[in-house]
mmCIF file of all heavy atoms, coordinates in Angstrom:
data_MODEL
# 
_entry.id   MODEL 
# 
loop_
_atom_site.group_PDB 
_atom_site.id 
_atom_site.type_symbol 
_atom_site.label_atom_id 
_atom_site.label_alt_id 
_atom_site.label_comp_id 
_atom_site.label_asym_id 
_atom_site.label_entity_id 
_atom_site.label_seq_id 
_atom_site.pdbx_PDB_ins_code 
_atom_site.Cartn_x 
_atom_site.Cartn_y 
_atom_site.Cartn_z 
_atom_site.occupancy 
_atom_site.B_iso_or_equiv 
_atom_site.pdbx_formal_charge 
_atom_site.auth_seq_id 
_atom_site.auth_comp_id 
_atom_site.auth_asym_id 
_atom_site.auth_atom_id 
_atom_site.pdbx_PDB_model_num 
ATOM 1   N N   . VAL A 1 1  ? 39.772 21.006 -28.945 1.00 0.00 ? 1  VAL A N   1 
ATOM 2   C CA  . VAL A 1 1  ? 39.757 22.132 -27.974 1.00 0.00 ? 1  VAL A CA  1 
ATOM 3   C C   . VAL A 1 1  ? 38.763 23.158 -28.515 1.00 0.00 ? 1  VAL A C   1 
ATOM 4   O O   . VAL A 1 1  ? 38.653 23.372 -29.745 1.00 0.00 ? 1  VAL A O   1 
ATOM 5   C CB  . VAL A 1 1  ? 41.132 22.742 -27.815 1.00 0.00 ? 1  VAL A CB  1 
ATOM 6   C CG1 . VAL A 1 1  ? 41.665 23.292 -29.116 1.00 0.00 ? 1  VAL A CG1 1 
ATOM 7   C CG2 . VAL A 1 1  ? 41.129 23.880 -26.792 1.00 0.00 ? 1  VAL A CG2 1 
ATOM 8   N N   . VAL A 1 2  ? 37.963 23.746 -27.592 1.00 0.00 ? 2  VAL A N   1 
ATOM 9   C CA  . VAL A 1 2  ? 36.868 24.640 -27.938 1.00 0.00 ? 2  VAL A CA  1 
ATOM 10  C C   . VAL A 1 2  ? 37.121 25.946 -27.201 1.00 0.00 ? 2  VAL A C   1 
ATOM 11  O O   . VAL A 1 2  ? 37.409 25.997 -26.019 1.00 0.00 ? 2  VAL A O   1 
ATOM 12  C CB  . VAL A 1 2  ? 35.450 24.095 -27.513 1.00 0.00 ? 2  VAL A CB  1 
ATOM 13  C CG1 . VAL A 1 2  ? 34.360 25.078 -27.933 1.00 0.00 ? 2  VAL A CG1 1 
ATOM 14  C CG2 . VAL A 1 2  ? 35.234 22.793 -28.231 1.00 0.00 ? 2  VAL A CG2 1 
ATOM 15  N N   . TYR A 1 3  ? 37.016 27.101 -27.975 1.00 0.00 ? 3  TYR A N   1 
ATOM 16  C CA  . TYR A 1 3  ? 37.136 28.414 -27.411 1.00 0.00 ? 3  TYR A CA  1 
ATOM 17  C C   . TYR A 1 3  ? 35.777 29.097 -27.482 1.00 0.00 ? 3  TYR A C   1 
ATOM 18  O O   . TYR A 1 3  ? 35.225 29.266 -28.521 1.00 0.00 ? 3  TYR A O   1 
ATOM 19  C CB  . TYR A 1 3  ? 38.183 29.239 -28.274 1.00 0.00 ? 3  TYR A CB  1 
ATOM 20  C CG  . TYR A 1 3  ? 39.570 28.652 -28.256 1.00 0.00 ? 3  TYR A CG  1 
ATOM 21  C CD1 . TYR A 1 3  ? 39.895 27.633 -29.229 1.00 0.00 ? 3  TYR A CD1 1 
ATOM 22  C CD2 . TYR A 1 3  ? 40.584 29.132 -27.427 1.00 0.00 ? 3  TYR A CD2 1 
ATOM 23  C CE1 . TYR A 1 3  ? 41.154 27.106 -29.236 1.00 0.00 ? 3  TYR A CE1 1 
ATOM 24  C CE2 . TYR A 1 3  ? 41.828 28.572 -27.482 1.00 0.00 ? 3  TYR A CE2 1 
ATOM 25  C CZ  . TYR A 1 3  ? 42.116 27.528 -28.464 1.00 0.00 ? 3  TYR A CZ  1 
ATOM 26  O OH  . TYR A 1 3  ? 43.388 26.995 -28.443 1.00 0.00 ? 3  TYR A OH  1 
ATOM 27  N N   . PHE A 1 4  ? 35.271 29.503 -26.304 1.00 0.00 ? 4  PHE A N   1 
ATOM 28  C CA  . PHE A 1 4  ? 34.017 30.157 -26.220 1.00 0.00 ? 4  PHE A CA  1 
ATOM 29  C C   . PHE A 1 4  ? 34.042 31.172 -25.053 1.00 0.00 ? 4  PHE A C   1 
ATOM 30  O O   . PHE A 1 4  ? 34.886 31.128 -24.120 1.00 0.00 ? 4  PHE A O   1 
ATOM 31  C CB  . PHE A 1 4  ? 32.863 29.161 -26.131 1.00 0.00 ? 4  PHE A CB  1 
ATOM 32  C CG  . PHE A 1 4  ? 32.900 28.402 -24.800 1.00 0.00 ? 4  PHE A CG  1 
ATOM 33  C CD1 . PHE A 1 4  ? 32.137 28.795 -23.693 1.00 0.00 ? 4  PHE A CD1 1 
ATOM 34  C CD2 . PHE A 1 4  ? 33.639 27.257 -24.631 1.00 0.00 ? 4  PHE A CD2 1 
ATOM 35  C CE1 . PHE A 1 4  ? 32.208 28.141 -22.496 1.00 0.00 ? 4  PHE A CE1 1 
ATOM 36  C CE2 . PHE A 1 4  ? 33.675 26.540 -23.489 1.00 0.00 ? 4  PHE A CE2 1 
ATOM 37  C CZ  . PHE A 1 4  ? 32.922 26.995 -22.406 1.00 0.00 ? 4  PHE A CZ  1 
ATOM 38  N N   . ARG A 1 5  ? 33.002 32.062 -25.095 1.00 0.00 ? 5  ARG A N   1 
ATOM 39  C CA  . ARG A 1 5  ? 32.836 33.036 -23.996 1.00 0.00 ? 5  ARG A CA  1 
ATOM 40  C C   . ARG A 1 5  ? 31.295 33.366 -23.953 1.00 0.00 ? 5  ARG A C   1 
ATOM 41  O O   . ARG A 1 5  ? 30.584 33.264 -24.868 1.00 0.00 ? 5  ARG A O   1 
ATOM 42  C CB  . ARG A 1 5  ? 33.717 34.225 -24.237 1.00 0.00 ? 5  ARG A CB  1 
ATOM 43  C CG  . ARG A 1 5  ? 33.339 35.067 -25.483 1.00 0.00 ? 5  ARG A CG  1 
ATOM 44  C CD  . ARG A 1 5  ? 34.299 36.194 -25.640 1.00 0.00 ? 5  ARG A CD  1 
ATOM 45  N NE  . ARG A 1 5  ? 33.965 37.014 -26.869 1.00 0.00 ? 5  ARG A NE  1 
ATOM 46  C CZ  . ARG A 1 5  ? 33.128 38.091 -26.745 1.00 0.00 ? 5  ARG A CZ  1 
ATOM 47  N NH1 . ARG A 1 5  ? 32.684 38.489 -25.622 1.00 0.00 ? 5  ARG A NH1 1 
ATOM 48  N NH2 . ARG A 1 5  ? 32.897 38.737 -27.916 1.00 0.00 ? 5  ARG A NH2 1 
ATOM 49  N N   . VAL A 1 6  ? 31.000 33.976 -22.819 1.00 0.00 ? 6  VAL A N   1 
ATOM 50  C CA  . VAL A 1 6  ? 29.632 34.342 -22.564 1.00 0.00 ? 6  VAL A CA  1 
ATOM 51  C C   . VAL A 1 6  ? 29.431 35.779 -23.114 1.00 0.00 ? 6  VAL A C   1 
ATOM 52  O O   . VAL A 1 6  ? 30.219 36.664 -22.740 1.00 0.00 ? 6  VAL A O   1 
ATOM 53  C CB  . VAL A 1 6  ? 29.248 34.248 -21.090 1.00 0.00 ? 6  VAL A CB  1 
ATOM 54  C CG1 . VAL A 1 6  ? 27.817 34.808 -20.855 1.00 0.00 ? 6  VAL A CG1 1 
ATOM 55  C CG2 . VAL A 1 6  ? 29.325 32.859 -20.611 1.00 0.00 ? 6  VAL A CG2 1 
ATOM 56  N N   . VAL A 1 7  ? 28.431 35.995 -23.925 1.00 0.00 ? 7  VAL A N   1 
ATOM 57  C CA  . VAL A 1 7  ? 28.152 37.322 -24.462 1.00 0.00 ? 7  VAL A CA  1 
ATOM 58  C C   . VAL A 1 7  ? 26.851 37.890 -23.897 1.00 0.00 ? 7  VAL A C   1 
ATOM 59  O O   . VAL A 1 7  ? 26.669 39.133 -23.936 1.00 0.00 ? 7  VAL A O   1 
ATOM 60  C CB  . VAL A 1 7  ? 28.106 37.303 -25.992 1.00 0.00 ? 7  VAL A CB  1 
ATOM 61  C CG1 . VAL A 1 7  ? 29.509 36.983 -26.550 1.00 0.00 ? 7  VAL A CG1 1 
ATOM 62  C CG2 . VAL A 1 7  ? 27.090 36.279 -26.478 1.00 0.00 ? 7  VAL A CG2 1 
ATOM 63  N N   . GLN A 1 8  ? 25.969 37.058 -23.400 1.00 0.00 ? 8  GLN A N   1 
ATOM 64  C CA  . GLN A 1 8  ? 24.723 37.519 -22.770 1.00 0.00 ? 8  GLN A CA  1 
ATOM 65  C C   . GLN A 1 8  ? 24.562 36.731 -21.440 1.00 0.00 ? 8  GLN A C   1 
ATOM 66  O O   . GLN A 1 8  ? 24.048 35.663 -21.351 1.00 0.00 ? 8  GLN A O   1 
ATOM 67  C CB  . GLN A 1 8  ? 23.554 37.212 -23.689 1.00 0.00 ? 8  GLN A CB  1 
ATOM 68  C CG  . GLN A 1 8  ? 23.500 37.952 -25.004 1.00 0.00 ? 8  GLN A CG  1 
ATOM 69  C CD  . GLN A 1 8  ? 22.364 37.573 -25.900 1.00 0.00 ? 8  GLN A CD  1 
ATOM 70  O OE1 . GLN A 1 8  ? 22.250 36.406 -26.371 1.00 0.00 ? 8  GLN A OE1 1 
ATOM 71  N NE2 . GLN A 1 8  ? 21.502 38.582 -26.185 1.00 0.00 ? 8  GLN A NE2 1 
ATOM 72  N N   . PRO A 1 9  ? 25.034 37.404 -20.364 1.00 0.00 ? 9  PRO A N   1 
ATOM 73  C CA  . PRO A 1 9  ? 25.062 36.745 -19.043 1.00 0.00 ? 9  PRO A CA  1 
ATOM 74  C C   . PRO A 1 9  ? 23.708 36.292 -18.560 1.00 0.00 ? 9  PRO A C   1 
ATOM 75  O O   . PRO A 1 9  ? 23.500 35.271 -17.888 1.00 0.00 ? 9  PRO A O   1 
ATOM 76  C CB  . PRO A 1 9  ? 25.602 37.870 -18.090 1.00 0.00 ? 9  PRO A CB  1 
ATOM 77  C CG  . PRO A 1 9  ? 26.410 38.726 -19.012 1.00 0.00 ? 9  PRO A CG  1 
ATOM 78  C CD  . PRO A 1 9  ? 25.670 38.761 -20.333 1.00 0.00 ? 9  PRO A CD  1 
ATOM 79  N N   . GLU A 1 10 ? 22.623 37.093 -18.864 1.00 0.00 ? 10 GLU A N   1 
ATOM 80  C CA  . GLU A 1 10 ? 21.301 36.717 -18.353 1.00 0.00 ? 10 GLU A CA  1 
ATOM 81  C C   . GLU A 1 10 ? 20.788 35.495 -18.927 1.00 0.00 ? 10 GLU A C   1 
ATOM 82  O O   . GLU A 1 10 ? 20.244 34.615 -18.312 1.00 0.00 ? 10 GLU A O   1 
ATOM 83  C CB  . GLU A 1 10 ? 20.327 37.864 -18.630 1.00 0.00 ? 10 GLU A CB  1 
ATOM 84  C CG  . GLU A 1 10 ? 19.996 38.129 -20.120 1.00 0.00 ? 10 GLU A CG  1 
ATOM 85  C CD  . GLU A 1 10 ? 21.008 38.977 -20.830 1.00 0.00 ? 10 GLU A CD  1 
ATOM 86  O OE1 . GLU A 1 10 ? 21.993 39.265 -20.189 1.00 0.00 ? 10 GLU A OE1 1 
ATOM 87  O OE2 . GLU A 1 10 ? 20.741 39.361 -21.969 1.00 0.00 ? 10 GLU A OE2 1 
ATOM 88  N N   . LYS A 1 11 ? 21.130 35.189 -20.259 1.00 0.00 ? 11 LYS A N   1 
ATOM 89  C CA  . LYS A 1 11 ? 20.722 33.908 -20.882 1.00 0.00 ? 11 LYS A CA  1 
ATOM 90  C C   . LYS A 1 11 ? 21.588 32.726 -20.346 1.00 0.00 ? 11 LYS A C   1 
ATOM 91  O O   . LYS A 1 11 ? 21.100 31.643 -20.233 1.00 0.00 ? 11 LYS A O   1 
ATOM 92  C CB  . LYS A 1 11 ? 20.892 34.007 -22.409 1.00 0.00 ? 11 LYS A CB  1 
ATOM 93  C CG  . LYS A 1 11 ? 19.873 34.887 -23.107 1.00 0.00 ? 11 LYS A CG  1 
ATOM 94  C CD  . LYS A 1 11 ? 19.995 34.847 -24.584 1.00 0.00 ? 11 LYS A CD  1 
ATOM 95  C CE  . LYS A 1 11 ? 18.930 35.719 -25.276 1.00 0.00 ? 11 LYS A CE  1 
ATOM 96  N NZ  . LYS A 1 11 ? 18.968 35.623 -26.814 1.00 0.00 ? 11 LYS A NZ  1 
ATOM 97  N N   . ALA A 1 12 ? 22.820 33.026 -20.130 1.00 0.00 ? 12 ALA A N   1 
ATOM 98  C CA  . ALA A 1 12 ? 23.696 31.945 -19.548 1.00 0.00 ? 12 ALA A CA  1 
ATOM 99  C C   . ALA A 1 12 ? 23.241 31.519 -18.215 1.00 0.00 ? 12 ALA A C   1 
ATOM 100 O O   . ALA A 1 12 ? 23.550 30.366 -17.826 1.00 0.00 ? 12 ALA A O   1 
ATOM 101 C CB  . ALA A 1 12 ? 25.171 32.409 -19.502 1.00 0.00 ? 12 ALA A CB  1 
ATOM 102 N N   . VAL A 1 13 ? 22.552 32.337 -17.476 1.00 0.00 ? 13 VAL A N   1 
ATOM 103 C CA  . VAL A 1 13 ? 22.029 31.877 -16.127 1.00 0.00 ? 13 VAL A CA  1 
ATOM 104 C C   . VAL A 1 13 ? 20.571 31.397 -16.200 1.00 0.00 ? 13 VAL A C   1 
ATOM 105 O O   . VAL A 1 13 ? 20.305 30.358 -15.621 1.00 0.00 ? 13 VAL A O   1 
ATOM 106 C CB  . VAL A 1 13 ? 22.069 33.142 -15.186 1.00 0.00 ? 13 VAL A CB  1 
ATOM 107 C CG1 . VAL A 1 13 ? 21.402 32.803 -13.862 1.00 0.00 ? 13 VAL A CG1 1 
ATOM 108 C CG2 . VAL A 1 13 ? 23.455 33.583 -14.997 1.00 0.00 ? 13 VAL A CG2 1 
ATOM 109 N N   . ILE A 1 14 ? 19.748 31.933 -17.045 1.00 0.00 ? 14 ILE A N   1 
ATOM 110 C CA  . ILE A 1 14 ? 18.341 31.596 -17.048 1.00 0.00 ? 14 ILE A CA  1 
ATOM 111 C C   . ILE A 1 14 ? 18.074 30.393 -18.069 1.00 0.00 ? 14 ILE A C   1 
ATOM 112 O O   . ILE A 1 14 ? 17.344 29.480 -17.700 1.00 0.00 ? 14 ILE A O   1 
ATOM 113 C CB  . ILE A 1 14 ? 17.436 32.800 -17.536 1.00 0.00 ? 14 ILE A CB  1 
ATOM 114 C CG1 . ILE A 1 14 ? 17.609 33.936 -16.486 1.00 0.00 ? 14 ILE A CG1 1 
ATOM 115 C CG2 . ILE A 1 14 ? 16.020 32.427 -17.660 1.00 0.00 ? 14 ILE A CG2 1 
ATOM 116 C CD1 . ILE A 1 14 ? 16.924 35.217 -16.903 1.00 0.00 ? 14 ILE A CD1 1 
ATOM 117 N N   . GLN A 1 15 ? 18.637 30.456 -19.186 1.00 0.00 ? 15 GLN A N   1 
ATOM 118 C CA  . GLN A 1 15 ? 18.346 29.427 -20.215 1.00 0.00 ? 15 GLN A CA  1 
ATOM 119 C C   . GLN A 1 15 ? 18.998 28.033 -19.964 1.00 0.00 ? 15 GLN A C   1 
ATOM 120 O O   . GLN A 1 15 ? 18.551 27.047 -20.544 1.00 0.00 ? 15 GLN A O   1 
ATOM 121 C CB  . GLN A 1 15 ? 18.762 29.937 -21.611 1.00 0.00 ? 15 GLN A CB  1 
ATOM 122 C CG  . GLN A 1 15 ? 18.034 31.234 -22.057 1.00 0.00 ? 15 GLN A CG  1 
ATOM 123 C CD  . GLN A 1 15 ? 16.573 31.055 -22.132 1.00 0.00 ? 15 GLN A CD  1 
ATOM 124 O OE1 . GLN A 1 15 ? 16.041 30.000 -22.397 1.00 0.00 ? 15 GLN A OE1 1 
ATOM 125 N NE2 . GLN A 1 15 ? 15.810 32.122 -21.895 1.00 0.00 ? 15 GLN A NE2 1 
ATOM 126 N N   . VAL A 1 16 ? 20.065 27.986 -19.263 1.00 0.00 ? 16 VAL A N   1 
ATOM 127 C CA  . VAL A 1 16 ? 20.779 26.675 -19.096 1.00 0.00 ? 16 VAL A CA  1 
ATOM 128 C C   . VAL A 1 16 ? 21.240 26.613 -17.631 1.00 0.00 ? 16 VAL A C   1 
ATOM 129 O O   . VAL A 1 16 ? 21.564 27.639 -17.014 1.00 0.00 ? 16 VAL A O   1 
ATOM 130 C CB  . VAL A 1 16 ? 21.893 26.508 -20.043 1.00 0.00 ? 16 VAL A CB  1 
ATOM 131 C CG1 . VAL A 1 16 ? 23.003 27.592 -19.811 1.00 0.00 ? 16 VAL A CG1 1 
ATOM 132 C CG2 . VAL A 1 16 ? 22.511 25.172 -20.077 1.00 0.00 ? 16 VAL A CG2 1 
ATOM 133 N N   . GLU A 1 17 ? 21.248 25.373 -17.115 1.00 0.00 ? 17 GLU A N   1 
ATOM 134 C CA  . GLU A 1 17 ? 21.607 25.232 -15.599 1.00 0.00 ? 17 GLU A CA  1 
ATOM 135 C C   . GLU A 1 17 ? 23.124 25.510 -15.470 1.00 0.00 ? 17 GLU A C   1 
ATOM 136 O O   . GLU A 1 17 ? 23.480 26.269 -14.546 1.00 0.00 ? 17 GLU A O   1 
ATOM 137 C CB  . GLU A 1 17 ? 21.272 23.784 -15.229 1.00 0.00 ? 17 GLU A CB  1 
ATOM 138 C CG  . GLU A 1 17 ? 21.634 23.566 -13.775 1.00 0.00 ? 17 GLU A CG  1 
ATOM 139 C CD  . GLU A 1 17 ? 21.308 22.147 -13.309 1.00 0.00 ? 17 GLU A CD  1 
ATOM 140 O OE1 . GLU A 1 17 ? 20.812 21.415 -14.181 1.00 0.00 ? 17 GLU A OE1 1 
ATOM 141 O OE2 . GLU A 1 17 ? 21.511 21.829 -12.128 1.00 0.00 ? 17 GLU A OE2 1 
ATOM 142 N N   . ASN A 1 18 ? 24.012 24.945 -16.316 1.00 0.00 ? 18 ASN A N   1 
ATOM 143 C CA  . ASN A 1 18 ? 25.405 25.176 -16.204 1.00 0.00 ? 18 ASN A CA  1 
ATOM 144 C C   . ASN A 1 18 ? 25.898 25.273 -17.654 1.00 0.00 ? 18 ASN A C   1 
ATOM 145 O O   . ASN A 1 18 ? 26.021 24.277 -18.355 1.00 0.00 ? 18 ASN A O   1 
ATOM 146 C CB  . ASN A 1 18 ? 26.094 24.063 -15.452 1.00 0.00 ? 18 ASN A CB  1 
ATOM 147 C CG  . ASN A 1 18 ? 27.520 24.336 -15.137 1.00 0.00 ? 18 ASN A CG  1 
ATOM 148 O OD1 . ASN A 1 18 ? 28.258 24.991 -15.964 1.00 0.00 ? 18 ASN A OD1 1 
ATOM 149 N ND2 . ASN A 1 18 ? 28.003 23.971 -13.936 1.00 0.00 ? 18 ASN A ND2 1 
ATOM 150 N N   . HIS A 1 19 ? 26.242 26.462 -18.055 1.00 0.00 ? 19 HIS A N   1 
ATOM 151 C CA  . HIS A 1 19 ? 26.630 26.685 -19.483 1.00 0.00 ? 19 HIS A CA  1 
ATOM 152 C C   . HIS A 1 19 ? 28.025 25.975 -19.792 1.00 0.00 ? 19 HIS A C   1 
ATOM 153 O O   . HIS A 1 19 ? 28.253 25.558 -20.958 1.00 0.00 ? 19 HIS A O   1 
ATOM 154 C CB  . HIS A 1 19 ? 26.698 28.158 -19.872 1.00 0.00 ? 19 HIS A CB  1 
ATOM 155 C CG  . HIS A 1 19 ? 27.852 28.882 -19.178 1.00 0.00 ? 19 HIS A CG  1 
ATOM 156 N ND1 . HIS A 1 19 ? 27.743 29.363 -17.915 1.00 0.00 ? 19 HIS A ND1 1 
ATOM 157 C CD2 . HIS A 1 19 ? 29.076 29.239 -19.601 1.00 0.00 ? 19 HIS A CD2 1 
ATOM 158 C CE1 . HIS A 1 19 ? 28.806 29.988 -17.554 1.00 0.00 ? 19 HIS A CE1 1 
ATOM 159 N NE2 . HIS A 1 19 ? 29.658 29.925 -18.540 1.00 0.00 ? 19 HIS A NE2 1 
ATOM 160 N N   . LEU A 1 20 ? 28.886 25.852 -18.817 1.00 0.00 ? 20 LEU A N   1 
ATOM 161 C CA  . LEU A 1 20 ? 30.174 25.137 -19.066 1.00 0.00 ? 20 LEU A CA  1 
ATOM 162 C C   . LEU A 1 20 ? 29.998 23.665 -19.312 1.00 0.00 ? 20 LEU A C   1 
ATOM 163 O O   . LEU A 1 20 ? 30.558 23.131 -20.255 1.00 0.00 ? 20 LEU A O   1 
ATOM 164 C CB  . LEU A 1 20 ? 31.101 25.402 -17.833 1.00 0.00 ? 20 LEU A CB  1 
ATOM 165 C CG  . LEU A 1 20 ? 31.518 26.809 -17.522 1.00 0.00 ? 20 LEU A CG  1 
ATOM 166 C CD1 . LEU A 1 20 ? 32.373 26.870 -16.257 1.00 0.00 ? 20 LEU A CD1 1 
ATOM 167 C CD2 . LEU A 1 20 ? 32.360 27.374 -18.694 1.00 0.00 ? 20 LEU A CD2 1 
ATOM 168 N N   . VAL A 1 21 ? 29.161 22.999 -18.487 1.00 0.00 ? 21 VAL A N   1 
ATOM 169 C CA  . VAL A 1 21 ? 28.881 21.594 -18.671 1.00 0.00 ? 21 VAL A CA  1 
ATOM 170 C C   . VAL A 1 21 ? 28.153 21.319 -19.932 1.00 0.00 ? 21 VAL A C   1 
ATOM 171 O O   . VAL A 1 21 ? 28.448 20.394 -20.670 1.00 0.00 ? 21 VAL A O   1 
ATOM 172 C CB  . VAL A 1 21 ? 28.222 20.984 -17.457 1.00 0.00 ? 21 VAL A CB  1 
ATOM 173 C CG1 . VAL A 1 21 ? 27.785 19.541 -17.639 1.00 0.00 ? 21 VAL A CG1 1 
ATOM 174 C CG2 . VAL A 1 21 ? 29.043 21.128 -16.184 1.00 0.00 ? 21 VAL A CG2 1 
ATOM 175 N N   . ALA A 1 22 ? 27.138 22.201 -20.178 1.00 0.00 ? 22 ALA A N   1 
ATOM 176 C CA  . ALA A 1 22 ? 26.318 22.042 -21.375 1.00 0.00 ? 22 ALA A CA  1 
ATOM 177 C C   . ALA A 1 22 ? 27.157 22.222 -22.637 1.00 0.00 ? 22 ALA A C   1 
ATOM 178 O O   . ALA A 1 22 ? 27.014 21.412 -23.585 1.00 0.00 ? 22 ALA A O   1 
ATOM 179 C CB  . ALA A 1 22 ? 25.190 23.050 -21.329 1.00 0.00 ? 22 ALA A CB  1 
ATOM 180 N N   . THR A 1 23 ? 28.053 23.165 -22.689 1.00 0.00 ? 23 THR A N   1 
ATOM 181 C CA  . THR A 1 23 ? 28.887 23.324 -23.885 1.00 0.00 ? 23 THR A CA  1 
ATOM 182 C C   . THR A 1 23 ? 29.832 22.160 -24.015 1.00 0.00 ? 23 THR A C   1 
ATOM 183 O O   . THR A 1 23 ? 30.133 21.753 -25.196 1.00 0.00 ? 23 THR A O   1 
ATOM 184 C CB  . THR A 1 23 ? 29.646 24.703 -23.726 1.00 0.00 ? 23 THR A CB  1 
ATOM 185 O OG1 . THR A 1 23 ? 28.647 25.744 -23.532 1.00 0.00 ? 23 THR A OG1 1 
ATOM 186 C CG2 . THR A 1 23 ? 30.477 24.920 -25.027 1.00 0.00 ? 23 THR A CG2 1 
ATOM 187 N N   . SER A 1 24 ? 30.375 21.669 -22.968 1.00 0.00 ? 24 SER A N   1 
ATOM 188 C CA  . SER A 1 24 ? 31.267 20.529 -23.027 1.00 0.00 ? 24 SER A CA  1 
ATOM 189 C C   . SER A 1 24 ? 30.537 19.259 -23.586 1.00 0.00 ? 24 SER A C   1 
ATOM 190 O O   . SER A 1 24 ? 31.121 18.621 -24.467 1.00 0.00 ? 24 SER A O   1 
ATOM 191 C CB  . SER A 1 24 ? 31.869 20.142 -21.651 1.00 0.00 ? 24 SER A CB  1 
ATOM 192 O OG  . SER A 1 24 ? 32.633 19.056 -21.658 1.00 0.00 ? 24 SER A OG  1 
ATOM 193 N N   . GLN A 1 25 ? 29.389 19.006 -23.080 1.00 0.00 ? 25 GLN A N   1 
ATOM 194 C CA  . GLN A 1 25 ? 28.720 17.824 -23.558 1.00 0.00 ? 25 GLN A CA  1 
ATOM 195 C C   . GLN A 1 25 ? 28.294 17.997 -24.989 1.00 0.00 ? 25 GLN A C   1 
ATOM 196 O O   . GLN A 1 25 ? 28.340 17.028 -25.806 1.00 0.00 ? 25 GLN A O   1 
ATOM 197 C CB  . GLN A 1 25 ? 27.405 17.538 -22.688 1.00 0.00 ? 25 GLN A CB  1 
ATOM 198 C CG  . GLN A 1 25 ? 27.701 17.178 -21.277 1.00 0.00 ? 25 GLN A CG  1 
ATOM 199 C CD  . GLN A 1 25 ? 28.474 15.895 -21.148 1.00 0.00 ? 25 GLN A CD  1 
ATOM 200 O OE1 . GLN A 1 25 ? 28.190 14.948 -21.904 1.00 0.00 ? 25 GLN A OE1 1 
ATOM 201 N NE2 . GLN A 1 25 ? 29.445 15.812 -20.293 1.00 0.00 ? 25 GLN A NE2 1 
ATOM 202 N N   . LEU A 1 26 ? 27.807 19.150 -25.329 1.00 0.00 ? 26 LEU A N   1 
ATOM 203 C CA  . LEU A 1 26 ? 27.442 19.393 -26.780 1.00 0.00 ? 26 LEU A CA  1 
ATOM 204 C C   . LEU A 1 26 ? 28.654 19.258 -27.705 1.00 0.00 ? 26 LEU A C   1 
ATOM 205 O O   . LEU A 1 26 ? 28.537 18.740 -28.803 1.00 0.00 ? 26 LEU A O   1 
ATOM 206 C CB  . LEU A 1 26 ? 26.867 20.813 -26.875 1.00 0.00 ? 26 LEU A CB  1 
ATOM 207 C CG  . LEU A 1 26 ? 26.468 21.272 -28.303 1.00 0.00 ? 26 LEU A CG  1 
ATOM 208 C CD1 . LEU A 1 26 ? 25.358 20.359 -28.832 1.00 0.00 ? 26 LEU A CD1 1 
ATOM 209 C CD2 . LEU A 1 26 ? 25.978 22.711 -28.303 1.00 0.00 ? 26 LEU A CD2 1 
ATOM 210 N N   . SER A 1 27 ? 29.832 19.722 -27.268 1.00 0.00 ? 27 SER A N   1 
ATOM 211 C CA  . SER A 1 27 ? 31.050 19.571 -28.100 1.00 0.00 ? 27 SER A CA  1 
ATOM 212 C C   . SER A 1 27 ? 31.403 18.171 -28.284 1.00 0.00 ? 27 SER A C   1 
ATOM 213 O O   . SER A 1 27 ? 31.828 17.742 -29.378 1.00 0.00 ? 27 SER A O   1 
ATOM 214 C CB  . SER A 1 27 ? 32.216 20.379 -27.347 1.00 0.00 ? 27 SER A CB  1 
ATOM 215 O OG  . SER A 1 27 ? 31.855 21.759 -27.192 1.00 0.00 ? 27 SER A OG  1 
ATOM 216 N N   . GLN A 1 28 ? 31.264 17.341 -27.319 1.00 0.00 ? 28 GLN A N   1 
ATOM 217 C CA  . GLN A 1 28 ? 31.638 15.913 -27.387 1.00 0.00 ? 28 GLN A CA  1 
ATOM 218 C C   . GLN A 1 28 ? 30.686 15.213 -28.426 1.00 0.00 ? 28 GLN A C   1 
ATOM 219 O O   . GLN A 1 28 ? 31.147 14.468 -29.281 1.00 0.00 ? 28 GLN A O   1 
ATOM 220 C CB  . GLN A 1 28 ? 31.517 15.199 -26.062 1.00 0.00 ? 28 GLN A CB  1 
ATOM 221 C CG  . GLN A 1 28 ? 32.515 15.715 -25.070 1.00 0.00 ? 28 GLN A CG  1 
ATOM 222 C CD  . GLN A 1 28 ? 32.471 15.052 -23.711 1.00 0.00 ? 28 GLN A CD  1 
ATOM 223 O OE1 . GLN A 1 28 ? 32.153 13.821 -23.636 1.00 0.00 ? 28 GLN A OE1 1 
ATOM 224 N NE2 . GLN A 1 28 ? 32.606 15.832 -22.609 1.00 0.00 ? 28 GLN A NE2 1 
ATOM 225 N N   . THR A 1 29 ? 29.360 15.419 -28.219 1.00 0.00 ? 29 THR A N   1 
ATOM 226 C CA  . THR A 1 29 ? 28.457 14.814 -29.164 1.00 0.00 ? 29 THR A CA  1 
ATOM 227 C C   . THR A 1 29 ? 28.632 15.223 -30.595 1.00 0.00 ? 29 THR A C   1 
ATOM 228 O O   . THR A 1 29 ? 28.493 14.496 -31.568 1.00 0.00 ? 29 THR A O   1 
ATOM 229 C CB  . THR A 1 29 ? 27.038 14.937 -28.681 1.00 0.00 ? 29 THR A CB  1 
ATOM 230 O OG1 . THR A 1 29 ? 26.723 16.394 -28.498 1.00 0.00 ? 29 THR A OG1 1 
ATOM 231 C CG2 . THR A 1 29 ? 26.816 14.333 -27.319 1.00 0.00 ? 29 THR A CG2 1 
ATOM 232 N N   . THR A 1 30 ? 28.829 16.569 -30.823 1.00 0.00 ? 30 THR A N   1 
ATOM 233 C CA  . THR A 1 30 ? 29.002 17.126 -32.126 1.00 0.00 ? 30 THR A CA  1 
ATOM 234 C C   . THR A 1 30 ? 30.298 16.615 -32.772 1.00 0.00 ? 30 THR A C   1 
ATOM 235 O O   . THR A 1 30 ? 30.365 16.295 -33.975 1.00 0.00 ? 30 THR A O   1 
ATOM 236 C CB  . THR A 1 30 ? 29.038 18.664 -32.046 1.00 0.00 ? 30 THR A CB  1 
ATOM 237 O OG1 . THR A 1 30 ? 27.837 19.177 -31.356 1.00 0.00 ? 30 THR A OG1 1 
ATOM 238 C CG2 . THR A 1 30 ? 29.121 19.284 -33.432 1.00 0.00 ? 30 THR A CG2 1 
# 
């Protein structure tokens, strides 16, 4: 289980398409 939150909203929108999906996939591979 991973606990996370957005601290910079502008980066969460501009730098990644979907930060929830990206964090989930990164957690699985890690």
